[in-house]
Amino acid sequence: MPQSRKSQISLIDTPYYHCVSRCVRRSFLCGEDKLTGQSYEHRRDWVEQRLLYLASVFAIDVCAYAVMSNHTHIVLCVDKEQANKWSSKEVVFRWHKLHKGTLVSQRFMRGESLNESELFTLNETIKIYRQRLYDISWFMRNLNEYIAREANKEDDCTGRFWEGRFKSQALLDEPAVLACMAYVDLNPIRAKMKKTPETSKHTSIQQRIECLITGEQPRNLMPFVGHHKQSKSKGIAFSLIDYCELIDSTGRCIRDDKMGHIENQNRPILERLGLNTEQWISLTTEFEQHFHSAVGSEHMMQQFKQHTGHQRIRGMAKARVLLQHA
């Protein structure tokens, strides 16, 4: 039985979430149709461009993504505090980038005078818009509905493009976030579509590596800001270089189809995560197999269960094994 989105998202516990959407009809609606030979690769560009555009509108950052042939993986970070700091005009301006809004909100943006009743209505509308601009469901809705309409227009047909609702996993601690990001970034390698992270098109890791060469970080992705004790900047509390090296080493282990070992230069980040090599490889190759609605240490999952009203959460036993030291 499908769970309500309210029971899957708890900003009290974490702002980080792993979202997965899958296509219907044929198996390769975003890739190449094996029956006709027709290529739909350009649709992966649609998804990538729309995703990064939405990140510039919503108070939601993209940490990692991979646009595959028939599904997408996205790691998002909700910034409710940022949304609450926006002025009323900023909120309406952002919402109007995606939707027409109301007659009152349109008049407000044109600078027209409003009476007391209209101001009351406007304030209530802004309150709704503000909440939606840090809501993952609205973010994914604006992504998936847009892609579905474009695909149906191109195919000259109607009907579903996506397989029902998107799947959401709460990432409750740093090891869960980093492991999920690696799992997402290495999707093309695991699927044997690409051989290296830097050649994996339509992924966040390719963007990060390309920018790393010039000493920069992608502006449309959540940045790595170094160890959390060294920086108070908004971002992922690890070194980008450490992360890229870890992805590269993990990718080699996956391609060799064996556990292998992580090179010595990558140990610091694993030690900070509280994981050993075997735990890391298992997490980054079998992430979705082990966990369902939430991922993290047993303690964090127990808290999430309490806050979301779950009677039980699948994956608790695996959390003890794979994240016991985190």
Protein backbone atom coordinates (compact mmCIF):
# COMPACT_ATOMS: atom_id res chain seq x y z
CA MET A 1 0.00 0.00 0.00
CA PRO A 2 1.49 3.41 -0.98
CA GLN A 3 2.65 5.57 1.92
CA SER A 4 1.63 9.21 2.23
CA ARG A 5 4.37 11.70 1.35
CA LYS A 6 3.99 13.16 4.85
CA SER A 7 5.19 9.85 6.31
CA GLN A 8 8.27 9.84 4.04
CA ILE A 9 9.53 13.39 4.55
CA SER A 10 10.45 14.82 7.95
CA LEU A 11 12.48 18.03 7.87
CA ILE A 12 12.92 17.72 11.64
CA ASP A 13 15.15 14.71 11.01
CA THR A 14 16.92 15.64 7.76
CA PRO A 15 16.82 18.03 4.78
CA TYR A 16 18.34 15.35 2.48
CA TYR A 17 16.23 13.03 0.27
CA HIS A 18 16.87 10.54 -2.53
CA CYS A 19 14.13 10.66 -5.18
CA VAL A 20 13.63 8.10 -7.97
CA SER A 21 11.24 8.32 -10.93
CA ARG A 22 10.74 5.54 -13.48
CA CYS A 23 9.23 5.56 -16.98
CA VAL A 24 6.31 3.45 -18.21
CA ARG A 25 5.08 2.20 -21.65
CA ARG A 26 8.31 0.86 -23.19
CA SER A 27 11.47 0.26 -21.20
CA PHE A 28 13.65 2.92 -22.85
CA LEU A 29 11.56 6.08 -23.24
CA CYS A 30 14.59 8.29 -22.56
CA GLY A 31 17.16 6.14 -24.33
CA GLU A 32 17.02 4.12 -27.54
CA ASP A 33 13.97 2.08 -28.52
CA LYS A 34 15.35 -1.41 -29.15
CA LEU A 35 12.36 -2.30 -31.37
CA THR A 36 12.49 0.66 -33.77
CA GLY A 37 16.04 1.86 -33.27
CA GLN A 38 14.75 5.40 -32.67
CA SER A 39 16.83 7.41 -30.22
CA TYR A 40 15.28 9.41 -27.40
CA GLU A 41 18.63 10.50 -25.91
CA HIS A 42 17.72 14.18 -26.26
CA ARG A 43 15.09 13.68 -23.56
CA ARG A 44 17.85 13.14 -21.04
CA ASP A 45 18.91 16.70 -21.84
CA TRP A 46 15.37 17.83 -21.15
CA VAL A 47 15.41 16.23 -17.70
CA GLU A 48 18.85 17.56 -16.80
CA GLN A 49 18.12 21.13 -17.90
CA ARG A 50 14.71 21.22 -16.22
CA LEU A 51 16.12 19.77 -12.98
CA LEU A 52 18.87 22.38 -12.73
CA TYR A 53 16.46 25.17 -13.64
CA LEU A 54 14.09 24.16 -10.84
CA ALA A 55 17.01 24.21 -8.39
CA SER A 56 17.45 27.90 -9.25
CA VAL A 57 13.78 28.59 -8.45
CA PHE A 58 13.05 26.43 -5.39
CA ALA A 59 14.72 26.57 -1.98
CA ILE A 60 15.95 23.07 -2.76
CA ASP A 61 19.53 22.23 -3.75
CA VAL A 62 20.58 19.38 -6.03
CA CYS A 63 23.41 17.34 -4.46
CA ALA A 64 23.61 14.57 -7.04
CA TYR A 65 21.68 13.27 -10.04
CA ALA A 66 21.84 10.68 -12.79
CA VAL A 67 19.45 10.70 -15.77
CA MET A 68 19.34 7.12 -16.99
CA SER A 69 17.55 5.61 -20.00
CA ASN A 70 14.34 4.76 -18.16
CA HIS A 71 14.65 6.36 -14.73
CA THR A 72 16.16 9.27 -12.82
CA HIS A 73 17.99 9.45 -9.48
CA ILE A 74 18.18 12.77 -7.64
CA VAL A 75 19.58 13.66 -4.20
CA LEU A 76 17.96 16.86 -2.92
CA CYS A 77 18.57 19.11 0.08
CA VAL A 78 15.67 21.25 1.33
CA ASP A 79 16.55 24.73 2.61
CA LYS A 80 13.43 25.79 4.50
CA GLU A 81 15.33 28.56 6.27
CA GLN A 82 16.21 30.18 2.95
CA ALA A 83 12.57 30.10 1.80
CA ASN A 84 11.44 31.74 5.04
CA LYS A 85 13.93 34.60 4.51
CA TRP A 86 12.57 35.51 1.08
CA SER A 87 10.48 38.66 0.84
CA SER A 88 6.89 38.42 -0.35
CA LYS A 89 7.91 39.85 -3.72
CA GLU A 90 10.72 37.29 -4.07
CA VAL A 91 8.34 34.43 -3.32
CA VAL A 92 5.80 35.56 -5.94
CA PHE A 93 8.55 36.32 -8.48
CA ARG A 94 9.95 32.79 -8.14
CA TRP A 95 6.53 31.14 -8.29
CA HIS A 96 5.64 33.09 -11.44
CA LYS A 97 8.68 31.60 -13.15
CA LEU A 98 6.79 28.30 -13.14
CA HIS A 99 3.09 29.19 -12.87
CA LYS A 100 0.84 32.11 -13.81
CA GLY A 101 -0.26 32.68 -10.24
CA THR A 102 -3.51 34.49 -9.48
CA LEU A 103 -4.93 37.76 -10.78
CA VAL A 104 -4.10 39.34 -7.42
CA SER A 105 -0.49 38.07 -7.42
CA GLN A 106 -0.06 39.33 -11.00
CA ARG A 107 -1.37 42.78 -10.01
CA PHE A 108 0.94 42.77 -6.98
CA MET A 109 3.98 42.14 -9.21
CA ARG A 110 2.90 44.96 -11.54
CA GLY A 111 2.91 47.31 -8.54
CA GLU A 112 -0.82 48.03 -8.63
CA SER A 113 -2.57 49.12 -5.42
CA LEU A 114 -4.65 46.47 -3.61
CA ASN A 115 -7.52 46.92 -1.19
CA GLU A 116 -7.62 45.33 2.26
CA SER A 117 -9.48 42.22 1.13
CA GLU A 118 -7.08 41.67 -1.77
CA LEU A 119 -4.06 42.14 0.52
CA PHE A 120 -5.42 39.49 2.88
CA THR A 121 -5.93 37.10 -0.05
CA LEU A 122 -2.45 37.90 -1.35
CA ASN A 123 -0.80 37.17 2.00
CA GLU A 124 -2.55 33.81 2.25
CA THR A 125 -1.49 32.99 -1.31
CA ILE A 126 2.13 33.95 -0.58
CA LYS A 127 2.10 31.71 2.47
CA ILE A 128 1.06 28.78 0.24
CA TYR A 129 3.64 29.64 -2.44
CA ARG A 130 6.42 29.89 0.15
CA GLN A 131 5.60 26.42 1.51
CA ARG A 132 5.49 24.95 -1.99
CA LEU A 133 8.91 26.42 -2.84
CA TYR A 134 10.59 24.16 -0.27
CA ASP A 135 8.30 21.18 -0.87
CA ILE A 136 9.93 18.17 -2.57
CA SER A 137 6.59 16.96 -3.92
CA TRP A 138 6.06 20.27 -5.75
CA PHE A 139 9.66 20.21 -6.99
CA MET A 140 9.26 16.71 -8.45
CA ARG A 141 5.81 17.55 -9.80
CA ASN A 142 7.25 20.52 -11.73
CA LEU A 143 9.99 18.27 -13.06
CA ASN A 144 8.01 15.18 -14.02
CA GLU A 145 4.87 16.84 -15.36
CA TYR A 146 6.92 19.10 -17.62
CA ILE A 147 8.88 16.15 -19.07
CA ALA A 148 5.70 14.09 -19.52
CA ARG A 149 4.00 16.89 -21.47
CA GLU A 150 7.01 17.39 -23.73
CA ALA A 151 7.36 13.64 -24.39
CA ASN A 152 3.64 13.21 -25.12
CA LYS A 153 3.75 16.19 -27.47
CA GLU A 154 6.70 14.68 -29.32
CA ASP A 155 5.06 11.23 -29.49
CA ASP A 156 1.68 12.75 -30.40
CA CYS A 157 -0.05 10.71 -27.73
CA THR A 158 -1.59 10.96 -24.27
CA GLY A 159 -1.15 8.95 -21.11
CA ARG A 160 1.39 8.49 -18.38
CA PHE A 161 5.09 8.95 -18.97
CA TRP A 162 6.14 8.22 -15.37
CA GLU A 163 5.36 5.17 -13.27
CA GLY A 164 3.01 6.73 -10.71
CA ARG A 165 4.55 8.68 -7.83
CA PHE A 166 8.26 9.15 -7.39
CA LYS A 167 10.01 7.11 -4.70
CA SER A 168 11.50 9.05 -1.78
CA GLN A 169 14.16 7.99 0.76
CA ALA A 170 15.17 10.15 3.74
CA LEU A 171 18.95 10.34 4.19
CA LEU A 172 19.36 10.74 7.92
CA ASP A 173 23.09 11.27 8.44
CA GLU A 174 26.35 12.07 6.63
CA PRO A 175 27.26 8.47 5.76
CA ALA A 176 23.80 7.96 4.23
CA VAL A 177 24.07 11.18 2.20
CA LEU A 178 27.57 10.46 0.84
CA ALA A 179 26.81 6.79 0.12
CA CYS A 180 23.60 7.71 -1.71
CA MET A 181 25.37 10.39 -3.73
CA ALA A 182 28.02 7.87 -4.76
CA TYR A 183 25.33 5.32 -5.59
CA VAL A 184 23.62 7.88 -7.83
CA ASP A 185 26.80 9.17 -9.49
CA LEU A 186 27.96 5.63 -10.29
CA ASN A 187 24.66 4.52 -11.84
CA PRO A 188 25.92 4.63 -15.47
CA ILE A 189 29.00 2.59 -14.51
CA ARG A 190 26.95 0.01 -12.62
CA ALA A 191 24.63 -0.24 -15.64
CA LYS A 192 27.73 -0.69 -17.89
CA MET A 193 26.71 2.35 -19.93
CA LYS A 194 29.98 4.17 -19.23
CA LYS A 195 33.45 3.18 -18.06
CA THR A 196 34.51 6.26 -16.09
CA PRO A 197 32.77 8.95 -13.99
CA GLU A 198 34.06 11.79 -16.18
CA THR A 199 32.44 10.26 -19.30
CA SER A 200 29.09 9.61 -17.58
CA LYS A 201 26.80 12.06 -19.34
CA HIS A 202 23.81 13.59 -17.58
CA THR A 203 25.27 13.02 -14.10
CA SER A 204 26.36 15.40 -11.38
CA ILE A 205 29.77 13.73 -11.05
CA GLN A 206 30.67 14.63 -14.65
CA GLN A 207 29.80 18.27 -13.90
CA ARG A 208 31.84 18.25 -10.69
CA ILE A 209 34.92 16.71 -12.36
CA GLU A 210 34.79 19.14 -15.29
CA CYS A 211 34.67 22.08 -12.88
CA LEU A 212 37.31 20.58 -10.59
CA ILE A 213 39.81 20.72 -13.44
CA THR A 214 39.44 24.53 -13.49
CA GLY A 215 39.49 24.76 -9.70
CA GLU A 216 35.79 25.60 -9.43
CA GLN A 217 32.52 23.97 -8.39
CA PRO A 218 29.27 23.82 -10.40
CA ARG A 219 27.06 26.79 -9.57
CA ASN A 220 23.88 24.76 -10.06
CA LEU A 221 24.87 21.98 -7.62
CA MET A 222 25.25 22.05 -3.85
CA PRO A 223 28.97 22.65 -3.21
CA PHE A 224 31.42 20.68 -1.11
CA VAL A 225 32.76 23.02 1.58
CA GLY A 226 35.43 20.92 3.28
CA HIS A 227 35.31 19.44 6.78
CA HIS A 228 32.43 20.86 8.83
CA LYS A 229 34.83 22.09 11.53
CA GLN A 230 36.74 24.14 8.98
CA SER A 231 33.83 25.90 7.32
CA LYS A 232 30.43 27.26 8.24
CA SER A 233 29.42 27.78 4.61
CA LYS A 234 26.31 26.13 3.26
CA GLY A 235 27.20 22.87 1.54
CA ILE A 236 28.34 19.28 1.93
CA ALA A 237 30.85 19.01 4.77
CA PHE A 238 33.58 17.15 2.88
CA SER A 239 36.29 17.94 0.35
CA LEU A 240 35.29 17.81 -3.32
CA ILE A 241 38.67 16.32 -4.24
CA ASP A 242 38.24 13.58 -1.62
CA TYR A 243 34.77 12.83 -2.96
CA CYS A 244 35.85 12.68 -6.62
CA GLU A 245 38.78 10.39 -5.77
CA LEU A 246 36.47 8.17 -3.73
CA ILE A 247 34.00 7.94 -6.62
CA ASP A 248 36.82 7.05 -9.01
CA SER A 249 38.17 4.29 -6.74
CA THR A 250 34.69 2.94 -6.02
CA GLY A 251 33.91 2.91 -9.75
CA ARG A 252 36.98 0.78 -10.43
CA CYS A 253 35.86 -1.71 -7.78
CA ILE A 254 32.38 -1.90 -9.30
CA ARG A 255 33.65 -2.35 -12.88
CA ASP A 256 35.96 -5.14 -11.76
CA ASP A 257 32.91 -6.87 -10.27
CA LYS A 258 34.73 -7.54 -7.00
CA MET A 259 35.15 -5.92 -3.62
CA GLY A 260 38.70 -4.70 -4.23
CA HIS A 261 40.13 -2.11 -1.88
CA ILE A 262 39.98 1.64 -1.54
CA GLU A 263 43.39 3.26 -2.01
CA ASN A 264 45.13 4.75 1.02
CA GLN A 265 44.61 8.33 -0.16
CA ASN A 266 40.85 7.85 0.24
CA ARG A 267 40.82 6.52 3.78
CA PRO A 268 40.29 9.86 5.55
CA ILE A 269 36.83 10.41 4.09
CA LEU A 270 35.76 6.84 4.92
CA GLU A 271 37.12 7.18 8.42
CA ARG A 272 35.17 10.41 8.90
CA LEU A 273 32.06 8.59 7.70
CA GLY A 274 32.76 5.76 10.17
CA LEU A 275 32.69 3.10 7.45
CA ASN A 276 35.08 0.38 6.33
CA THR A 277 35.70 -0.60 2.71
CA GLU A 278 33.27 -3.53 2.68
CA GLN A 279 30.46 -1.42 4.14
CA TRP A 280 31.11 1.35 1.61
CA ILE A 281 31.08 -0.95 -1.44
CA SER A 282 27.89 -2.64 -0.24
CA LEU A 283 26.16 0.72 0.28
CA THR A 284 27.21 2.21 -3.06
CA THR A 285 26.22 -0.84 -5.12
CA GLU A 286 23.09 -2.06 -3.33
CA PHE A 287 21.66 1.13 -1.80
CA GLU A 288 18.05 0.68 -2.93
CA GLN A 289 18.04 -3.05 -2.17
CA HIS A 290 18.81 -2.55 1.51
CA PHE A 291 16.67 0.48 2.39
CA HIS A 292 13.18 1.77 1.64
CA SER A 293 11.81 5.01 3.11
CA ALA A 294 14.83 6.11 5.16
CA VAL A 295 18.57 5.50 5.37
CA GLY A 296 20.88 6.13 8.31
CA SER A 297 22.19 4.72 11.56
CA GLU A 298 19.80 2.64 13.66
CA HIS A 299 19.43 5.51 16.14
CA MET A 300 18.55 8.03 13.40
CA MET A 301 16.08 5.61 11.81
CA GLN A 302 14.36 5.08 15.17
CA GLN A 303 13.92 8.85 15.51
CA PHE A 304 12.59 9.15 11.96
CA LYS A 305 10.13 6.32 12.64
CA GLN A 306 8.82 8.15 15.69
CA HIS A 307 8.48 11.52 13.95
CA THR A 308 6.70 10.11 10.88
CA GLY A 309 4.38 7.72 12.72
CA HIS A 310 5.70 4.53 11.13
CA GLN A 311 5.12 1.29 13.02
CA ARG A 312 8.21 -0.22 11.41
CA ILE A 313 10.85 0.80 8.86
CA ARG A 314 12.37 -1.65 6.43
CA GLY A 315 16.16 -1.73 6.48
CA MET A 316 16.74 -1.42 10.24
CA ALA A 317 18.73 -4.68 10.35
CA LYS A 318 20.93 -3.56 7.45
CA ALA A 319 21.50 -0.23 9.19
CA ARG A 320 23.00 -2.13 12.15
CA VAL A 321 25.39 -3.97 9.84
CA LEU A 322 26.33 -1.29 7.31
CA LEU A 323 26.08 1.90 9.38
CA GLN A 324 26.79 0.64 12.89
CA HIS A 325 29.88 2.84 13.38
CA ALA A 326 28.51 5.91 11.64
